[in-house]
């Protein structure tokens, strides 16, 4: 049975929910400032404090201190937070991970004591090192529940199994189940999750990393792809007076002004997202190619320069917006890609990501 903590919340207080900080301490602090976080708010952080970014250990200690200073801060485990278990269990597969993923709390713990993997002949010695020098942090992470349940919500890192007795979900699934929104659930309340970037569900709609709120399916997905997607962001879902809103911050360059208005008349929307990159070419235009996404069975307009042909077929090189945007003169946007012909890939301040003609921006500002 899952370790689920049940809570009775004051309905008059604001609820703020954040997931997948991924070692981005400054971004996390900026987000708290942007939402004007107050000690009277309920703050939920639903997993993945660690990995991918550069400040895993700092984030863990910062959030741990927050929980010690306020009884209104609640934190769950995420799959990235418990990688130390591989070491403690003697699973040597984690050693390769540590070698290729330099941004890891496991490596940060070594560096803090001026150690490296080469200083340990056996994984058991490494495990003893972590237990000796970082017992406080590891014990705190291990003490975190897998989920919080309130009268209206279940807050959990990745999701629950699609079964009536959802508390019997295996912990490994609860912290790492992929594409939870597509699988659904049988709980009688809304499940709020991170883990799987919300943009991955937007292959047929406007491209963004904003939270996906679907109250018909009783699922809210809030992972903004921070440290994973090139246009990723750190999201905060806000629940106040039974209404939902959100704010986000990202690490992209400063916004610049649109030079002239552009109204898109193509109405093309969508996103190429992991893992659905294989394409069948239908027809090629000057700047974009109409492709049939092989796995999804839908048509997507892919920027020509992002298509790669090899002996195995045609593929989109990476995650990519296939959305076309309208912009107003004076509107602020962040440029994601100015190196392709004819069009710029931009992110609007409302989070929408898509293509606009190059002439909408001042050339000397690119």
Protein backbone atom coordinates (compact mmCIF):
# COMPACT_ATOMS: atom_id res chain seq x y z
CA UNK A 1 0.00 0.00 0.00
CA UNK A 2 1.21 3.50 -0.83
CA UNK A 3 2.41 5.83 1.89
CA UNK A 4 -0.39 8.39 1.58
CA UNK A 5 -0.78 11.26 4.03
CA UNK A 6 -4.34 12.53 4.40
CA UNK A 7 -4.82 16.23 5.08
CA UNK A 8 -7.69 18.46 6.09
CA UNK A 9 -7.04 21.84 4.52
CA UNK A 10 -8.58 25.19 5.34
CA UNK A 11 -10.67 26.02 2.24
CA UNK A 12 -9.98 29.72 2.73
CA UNK A 13 -6.25 29.31 2.16
CA UNK A 14 -4.49 29.32 -1.17
CA UNK A 15 -2.89 26.11 -2.43
CA UNK A 16 0.29 26.28 -4.51
CA UNK A 17 1.58 23.10 -6.18
CA UNK A 18 4.99 22.77 -7.83
CA UNK A 19 6.73 19.74 -9.30
CA UNK A 20 10.01 18.85 -10.97
CA UNK A 21 12.28 21.59 -9.66
CA UNK A 22 15.18 19.47 -10.91
CA UNK A 23 17.95 21.18 -8.97
CA UNK A 24 17.01 24.69 -10.14
CA UNK A 25 17.19 26.59 -6.87
CA UNK A 26 17.20 30.12 -8.29
CA UNK A 27 14.28 29.29 -10.57
CA UNK A 28 12.34 27.86 -7.64
CA UNK A 29 12.97 30.96 -5.53
CA UNK A 30 11.96 33.18 -8.45
CA UNK A 31 8.72 31.25 -8.85
CA UNK A 32 7.87 31.59 -5.16
CA UNK A 33 8.42 35.32 -5.50
CA UNK A 34 6.30 35.53 -8.64
CA UNK A 35 3.32 33.83 -6.98
CA UNK A 36 3.91 35.94 -3.85
CA UNK A 37 4.19 32.85 -1.70
CA UNK A 38 3.22 33.49 1.92
CA UNK A 39 3.63 31.31 5.00
CA UNK A 40 -0.17 31.04 5.26
CA UNK A 41 -0.34 29.38 1.84
CA UNK A 42 -0.31 25.62 1.50
CA UNK A 43 2.73 24.72 -0.58
CA UNK A 44 2.98 21.25 -2.13
CA UNK A 45 6.12 20.09 -3.93
CA UNK A 46 5.31 16.81 -5.62
CA UNK A 47 8.64 15.24 -6.37
CA UNK A 48 11.87 15.53 -8.32
CA UNK A 49 13.77 18.07 -6.31
CA UNK A 50 16.95 16.56 -7.73
CA UNK A 51 18.89 15.76 -10.90
CA UNK A 52 19.36 17.42 -14.28
CA UNK A 53 20.09 20.89 -12.89
CA UNK A 54 23.19 22.03 -11.03
CA UNK A 55 21.94 22.49 -7.45
CA UNK A 56 20.40 19.21 -6.28
CA UNK A 57 21.92 19.26 -2.81
CA UNK A 58 21.07 22.92 -2.29
CA UNK A 59 17.46 22.38 -3.33
CA UNK A 60 17.06 19.41 -0.99
CA UNK A 61 18.46 21.38 1.93
CA UNK A 62 16.44 24.47 1.07
CA UNK A 63 13.14 22.59 0.83
CA UNK A 64 13.94 20.52 3.92
CA UNK A 65 14.43 23.76 5.86
CA UNK A 66 11.12 25.07 4.52
CA UNK A 67 9.32 22.03 5.92
CA UNK A 68 11.00 22.58 9.28
CA UNK A 69 9.96 26.22 9.39
CA UNK A 70 6.36 25.76 8.28
CA UNK A 71 3.73 23.11 8.86
CA UNK A 72 2.08 24.21 5.61
CA UNK A 73 4.84 22.88 3.32
CA UNK A 74 4.31 19.34 2.03
CA UNK A 75 6.73 17.32 -0.10
CA UNK A 76 6.47 13.95 -1.84
CA UNK A 77 9.08 11.63 -3.28
CA UNK A 78 9.85 11.63 -6.99
CA UNK A 79 11.77 9.03 -8.95
CA UNK A 80 14.79 11.33 -9.28
CA UNK A 81 14.91 11.93 -5.53
CA UNK A 82 15.50 8.28 -4.62
CA UNK A 83 18.33 7.32 -6.97
CA UNK A 84 20.52 6.81 -3.91
CA UNK A 85 18.59 3.59 -3.31
CA UNK A 86 20.48 2.00 -6.20
CA UNK A 87 23.73 2.64 -4.38
CA UNK A 88 22.44 1.47 -1.00
CA UNK A 89 21.05 -1.68 -2.65
CA UNK A 90 24.38 -2.42 -4.33
CA UNK A 91 23.01 -2.01 -7.86
CA UNK A 92 26.07 -1.16 -9.97
CA UNK A 93 24.01 0.18 -12.88
CA UNK A 94 23.94 3.49 -11.05
CA UNK A 95 27.70 3.87 -11.54
CA UNK A 96 27.30 4.33 -15.30
CA UNK A 97 24.54 6.86 -14.67
CA UNK A 98 26.83 8.85 -12.39
CA UNK A 99 29.58 8.85 -15.00
CA UNK A 100 27.40 10.18 -17.80
CA UNK A 101 25.09 12.43 -15.75
CA UNK A 102 27.38 14.91 -14.05
CA UNK A 103 24.43 16.95 -12.75
CA UNK A 104 23.37 14.50 -10.06
CA UNK A 105 22.97 14.77 -6.32
CA UNK A 106 25.13 11.65 -6.05
CA UNK A 107 28.03 13.45 -7.72
CA UNK A 108 27.40 16.63 -5.74
CA UNK A 109 27.66 14.63 -2.51
CA UNK A 110 31.03 13.35 -3.63
CA UNK A 111 32.30 16.76 -4.66
CA UNK A 112 31.29 18.35 -1.37
CA UNK A 113 33.83 16.12 0.41
CA UNK A 114 36.33 16.37 -2.46
CA UNK A 115 35.78 12.77 -3.47
CA UNK A 116 35.17 11.07 -6.81
CA UNK A 117 33.96 7.68 -7.99
CA UNK A 118 37.53 6.53 -8.52
CA UNK A 119 38.10 6.78 -4.77
CA UNK A 120 35.81 3.79 -4.17
CA UNK A 121 36.69 0.25 -5.17
CA UNK A 122 33.30 -1.24 -4.34
CA UNK A 123 29.76 0.11 -4.44
CA UNK A 124 29.36 -0.94 -0.80
CA UNK A 125 32.09 1.55 0.12
CA UNK A 126 30.24 4.25 -1.80
CA UNK A 127 27.03 3.40 0.02
CA UNK A 128 28.78 3.69 3.37
CA UNK A 129 30.18 7.07 2.33
CA UNK A 130 26.69 8.44 1.62
CA UNK A 131 25.30 7.03 4.87
CA UNK A 132 28.17 8.56 6.83
CA UNK A 133 28.22 12.08 5.38
CA UNK A 134 24.66 12.59 4.13
CA UNK A 135 22.51 10.59 6.52
CA UNK A 136 20.42 13.64 7.42
CA UNK A 137 19.47 14.40 3.81
CA UNK A 138 18.86 10.77 2.85
CA UNK A 139 16.76 10.06 5.93
CA UNK A 140 14.64 13.13 5.20
CA UNK A 141 14.00 12.12 1.61
CA UNK A 142 13.19 8.57 2.69
CA UNK A 143 10.70 9.92 5.24
CA UNK A 144 8.68 11.74 2.58
CA UNK A 145 5.32 10.22 1.66
CA UNK A 146 4.49 9.14 -1.87
CA UNK A 147 1.22 11.07 -1.97
CA UNK A 148 -1.00 13.55 -0.19
CA UNK A 149 -4.76 13.20 -0.24
CA UNK A 150 -7.23 15.95 0.58
CA UNK A 151 -10.99 16.11 0.31
CA UNK A 152 -10.74 17.06 -3.38
CA UNK A 153 -7.29 16.08 -4.60
CA UNK A 154 -4.60 13.42 -4.74
CA UNK A 155 -1.14 14.94 -5.18
CA UNK A 156 1.51 12.49 -6.33
CA UNK A 157 4.63 12.65 -8.47
CA UNK A 158 3.80 10.48 -11.50
CA UNK A 159 0.34 8.93 -11.04
CA UNK A 160 -1.71 6.05 -9.76
CA UNK A 161 -2.65 2.76 -11.35
CA UNK A 162 -5.99 2.53 -13.13
CA UNK A 163 -7.67 0.45 -10.44
CA UNK A 164 -10.45 1.03 -7.93
CA UNK A 165 -8.17 0.50 -4.92
CA UNK A 166 -5.67 3.12 -6.08
CA UNK A 167 -3.76 3.10 -2.78
CA UNK A 168 -2.51 -0.36 -3.78
CA UNK A 169 -0.53 1.22 -6.62
CA UNK A 170 3.06 0.00 -6.59
CA UNK A 171 5.40 2.71 -5.35
CA UNK A 172 7.65 2.31 -8.38
CA UNK A 173 4.68 3.19 -10.60
CA UNK A 174 3.54 6.06 -8.38
CA UNK A 175 6.88 7.84 -8.76
CA UNK A 176 7.70 6.90 -12.36
CA UNK A 177 4.61 5.93 -14.40
CA UNK A 178 4.85 7.53 -17.84
CA UNK A 179 2.04 9.27 -19.73
CA UNK A 180 -0.41 9.08 -16.82
CA UNK A 181 -2.93 11.36 -18.53
CA UNK A 182 -3.37 8.81 -21.33
CA UNK A 183 -3.87 5.93 -18.89
CA UNK A 184 -6.48 7.51 -16.62
CA UNK A 185 -7.60 6.40 -13.16
CA UNK A 186 -10.61 5.34 -11.08
CA UNK A 187 -10.17 7.58 -8.04
CA UNK A 188 -13.16 9.78 -7.27
CA UNK A 189 -11.13 12.97 -7.06
CA UNK A 190 -8.70 14.99 -9.16
CA UNK A 191 -5.15 13.63 -9.36
CA UNK A 192 -2.42 16.27 -9.68
CA UNK A 193 0.88 15.00 -11.07
CA UNK A 194 4.26 16.05 -12.42
CA UNK A 195 6.91 13.74 -13.92
CA UNK A 196 5.67 13.58 -17.52
CA UNK A 197 5.95 16.99 -19.24
CA UNK A 198 2.53 18.39 -20.10
CA UNK A 199 3.71 19.40 -23.58
CA UNK A 200 4.05 15.70 -24.43
CA UNK A 201 0.25 15.55 -24.52
CA UNK A 202 -0.08 18.51 -26.91
CA UNK A 203 0.75 16.84 -30.23
CA UNK A 204 -2.60 18.03 -31.61
CA UNK A 205 -3.11 21.34 -29.83
CA UNK A 206 -1.31 24.64 -29.31
CA UNK A 207 2.23 24.00 -28.15
CA UNK A 208 3.14 25.03 -24.60
CA UNK A 209 4.64 23.77 -21.36
CA UNK A 210 1.75 25.16 -19.32
CA UNK A 211 -0.17 22.91 -16.91
CA UNK A 212 -2.77 20.65 -18.50
CA UNK A 213 -6.02 20.95 -16.54
CA UNK A 214 -8.68 18.38 -17.47
CA UNK A 215 -11.42 18.19 -14.86
CA UNK A 216 -13.47 15.80 -16.97
CA UNK A 217 -10.69 13.22 -16.71
CA UNK A 218 -9.91 14.37 -13.15
CA UNK A 219 -6.24 14.88 -14.02
CA UNK A 220 -4.00 17.92 -13.83
CA UNK A 221 -0.45 17.56 -15.21
CA UNK A 222 1.90 20.35 -14.13
CA UNK A 223 5.41 19.30 -15.22
CA UNK A 224 6.66 22.19 -17.38
CA UNK A 225 9.68 20.35 -18.76
CA UNK A 226 12.14 22.35 -16.66
CA UNK A 227 15.74 21.23 -17.42
CA UNK A 228 14.35 18.72 -19.96
CA UNK A 229 12.80 20.75 -22.78
CA UNK A 230 14.64 23.56 -24.57
CA UNK A 231 11.63 25.81 -23.98
CA UNK A 232 10.83 24.28 -20.58
CA UNK A 233 9.59 26.13 -17.53
CA UNK A 234 8.88 25.65 -13.84
CA UNK A 235 5.14 25.78 -13.20
CA UNK A 236 3.10 26.63 -10.13
CA UNK A 237 -0.53 25.53 -10.09
CA UNK A 238 -2.62 27.79 -7.88
CA UNK A 239 -5.96 26.78 -6.36
CA UNK A 240 -7.90 29.58 -4.72
CA UNK A 241 -11.65 29.89 -4.10
CA UNK A 242 -12.17 26.67 -6.08
CA UNK A 243 -10.58 28.22 -9.16
CA UNK A 244 -7.39 27.19 -10.96
CA UNK A 245 -4.66 29.45 -12.28
CA UNK A 246 -0.93 29.14 -12.83
CA UNK A 247 2.32 31.03 -13.08
CA UNK A 248 5.66 29.97 -14.51
CA UNK A 249 9.27 31.02 -14.76
CA UNK A 250 11.98 29.89 -17.16
CA UNK A 251 15.65 30.40 -17.88
CA UNK A 252 15.24 31.77 -21.39
CA UNK A 253 16.70 35.04 -22.57
CA UNK A 254 14.96 38.35 -21.95
CA UNK A 255 11.87 39.06 -24.01
CA UNK A 256 12.02 41.48 -26.95
CA UNK A 257 9.32 43.50 -28.68
CA UNK A 258 7.48 42.50 -31.84
CA UNK A 259 8.11 44.97 -34.65
CA UNK A 260 4.83 44.55 -36.49
CA UNK A 261 1.57 42.66 -36.19
CA UNK A 262 1.19 39.25 -37.77
CA UNK A 263 -2.08 37.31 -37.95
CA UNK A 264 -1.69 33.62 -38.64
CA UNK A 265 -4.28 32.27 -41.06
CA UNK A 266 -2.97 28.70 -41.34
CA UNK A 267 -4.41 27.60 -37.97
CA UNK A 268 -1.66 25.02 -37.71
CA UNK A 269 -1.18 23.69 -34.19
CA UNK A 270 0.69 20.86 -32.55
CA UNK A 271 3.98 19.65 -31.17
CA UNK A 272 6.44 16.93 -32.08
CA UNK A 273 7.27 15.38 -28.71
CA UNK A 274 9.18 12.48 -27.25
CA UNK A 275 9.17 9.70 -28.34
CA UNK A 276 7.19 10.25 -31.55
CA UNK A 277 9.79 11.57 -33.99
CA UNK A 278 9.43 9.31 -37.06
CA UNK A 279 7.80 11.02 -40.06
CA UNK A 280 6.47 10.14 -43.51
CA UNK A 281 6.85 13.09 -45.86
CA UNK A 282 3.64 14.16 -47.62
CA UNK A 283 4.71 17.38 -49.33
CA UNK A 284 7.43 20.00 -48.91
CA UNK A 285 6.80 23.75 -48.82
CA UNK A 286 9.41 26.52 -48.93
CA UNK A 287 9.94 26.57 -45.16
CA UNK A 288 7.93 23.66 -43.73
CA UNK A 289 7.19 20.07 -44.70
CA UNK A 290 3.83 18.41 -44.16
CA UNK A 291 4.52 15.03 -42.53
CA UNK A 292 2.47 12.15 -41.22
CA UNK A 293 3.67 11.31 -37.72
CA UNK A 294 4.11 7.54 -37.98
CA UNK A 295 3.24 6.59 -34.40
CA UNK A 296 0.50 9.16 -33.82
CA UNK A 297 -1.14 8.92 -37.25
CA UNK A 298 -1.59 12.70 -37.50
CA UNK A 299 -0.27 15.31 -39.91
CA UNK A 300 2.26 17.87 -38.66
CA UNK A 301 4.02 20.79 -40.37
CA UNK A 302 7.70 20.42 -39.45
CA UNK A 303 10.32 23.11 -40.07
CA UNK A 304 12.47 21.83 -42.93
CA UNK A 305 15.78 22.21 -41.10
CA UNK A 306 14.58 19.99 -38.26
CA UNK A 307 14.02 16.96 -40.51
CA UNK A 308 16.74 14.33 -40.71
CA UNK A 309 16.76 11.55 -43.31
CA UNK A 310 18.84 8.40 -42.88
CA UNK A 311 18.73 4.74 -43.85
CA UNK A 312 16.02 4.13 -41.25
CA UNK A 313 13.65 6.83 -42.48
CA UNK A 314 12.82 10.49 -41.87
CA UNK A 315 12.82 11.88 -38.34
CA UNK A 316 12.26 15.16 -36.57
CA UNK A 317 15.56 15.89 -34.80
CA UNK A 318 14.02 16.80 -31.46
CA UNK A 319 10.95 18.05 -29.67
CA UNK A 320 9.55 20.87 -31.78
CA UNK A 321 6.51 23.11 -31.95
CA UNK A 322 4.42 22.77 -35.11
CA UNK A 323 2.20 25.63 -33.98
CA UNK A 324 1.98 28.93 -35.88
CA UNK A 325 1.39 32.05 -33.81
CA UNK A 326 -0.23 35.44 -34.24
CA UNK A 327 1.54 38.36 -32.57
CA UNK A 328 0.70 42.00 -31.94
CA UNK A 329 2.96 44.99 -32.45
CA UNK A 330 4.76 45.74 -29.18
CA UNK A 331 4.05 42.28 -27.75
CA UNK A 332 6.93 40.73 -25.84
CA UNK A 333 8.29 37.35 -26.96
CA UNK A 334 11.36 35.23 -26.25
CA UNK A 335 13.28 33.96 -29.26
CA UNK A 336 14.07 30.25 -29.14
CA UNK A 337 15.52 29.77 -32.62
CA UNK A 338 16.49 32.55 -35.01
CA UNK A 339 18.82 30.45 -37.18
CA UNK A 340 16.30 28.92 -39.60
CA UNK A 341 15.11 30.36 -42.88
CA UNK A 342 12.03 32.54 -43.12
CA UNK A 343 10.61 31.98 -39.64
CA UNK A 344 11.51 32.41 -35.98
CA UNK A 345 10.59 30.04 -33.18
CA UNK A 346 9.35 32.13 -30.25
CA UNK A 347 7.74 31.76 -26.85
CA UNK A 348 5.01 34.18 -25.86
CA UNK A 349 4.72 35.43 -22.30
CA UNK A 350 1.56 33.32 -21.89
CA UNK A 351 3.66 30.21 -22.56
CA UNK A 352 2.60 29.47 -26.15
CA UNK A 353 5.46 28.33 -28.37
CA UNK A 354 5.42 28.55 -32.15
CA UNK A 355 6.58 30.05 -35.43
CA UNK A 356 6.29 33.61 -36.75
CA UNK A 357 7.76 35.19 -39.91
CA UNK A 358 11.23 36.61 -39.37
CA UNK A 359 10.17 40.14 -40.33
CA UNK A 360 7.98 40.56 -37.22
CA UNK A 361 11.08 41.32 -35.13
CA UNK A 362 13.78 43.94 -35.38
CA UNK A 363 16.85 42.35 -36.95
CA UNK A 364 19.22 44.14 -34.59
CA UNK A 365 17.49 42.56 -31.59
CA UNK A 366 17.97 38.92 -32.63
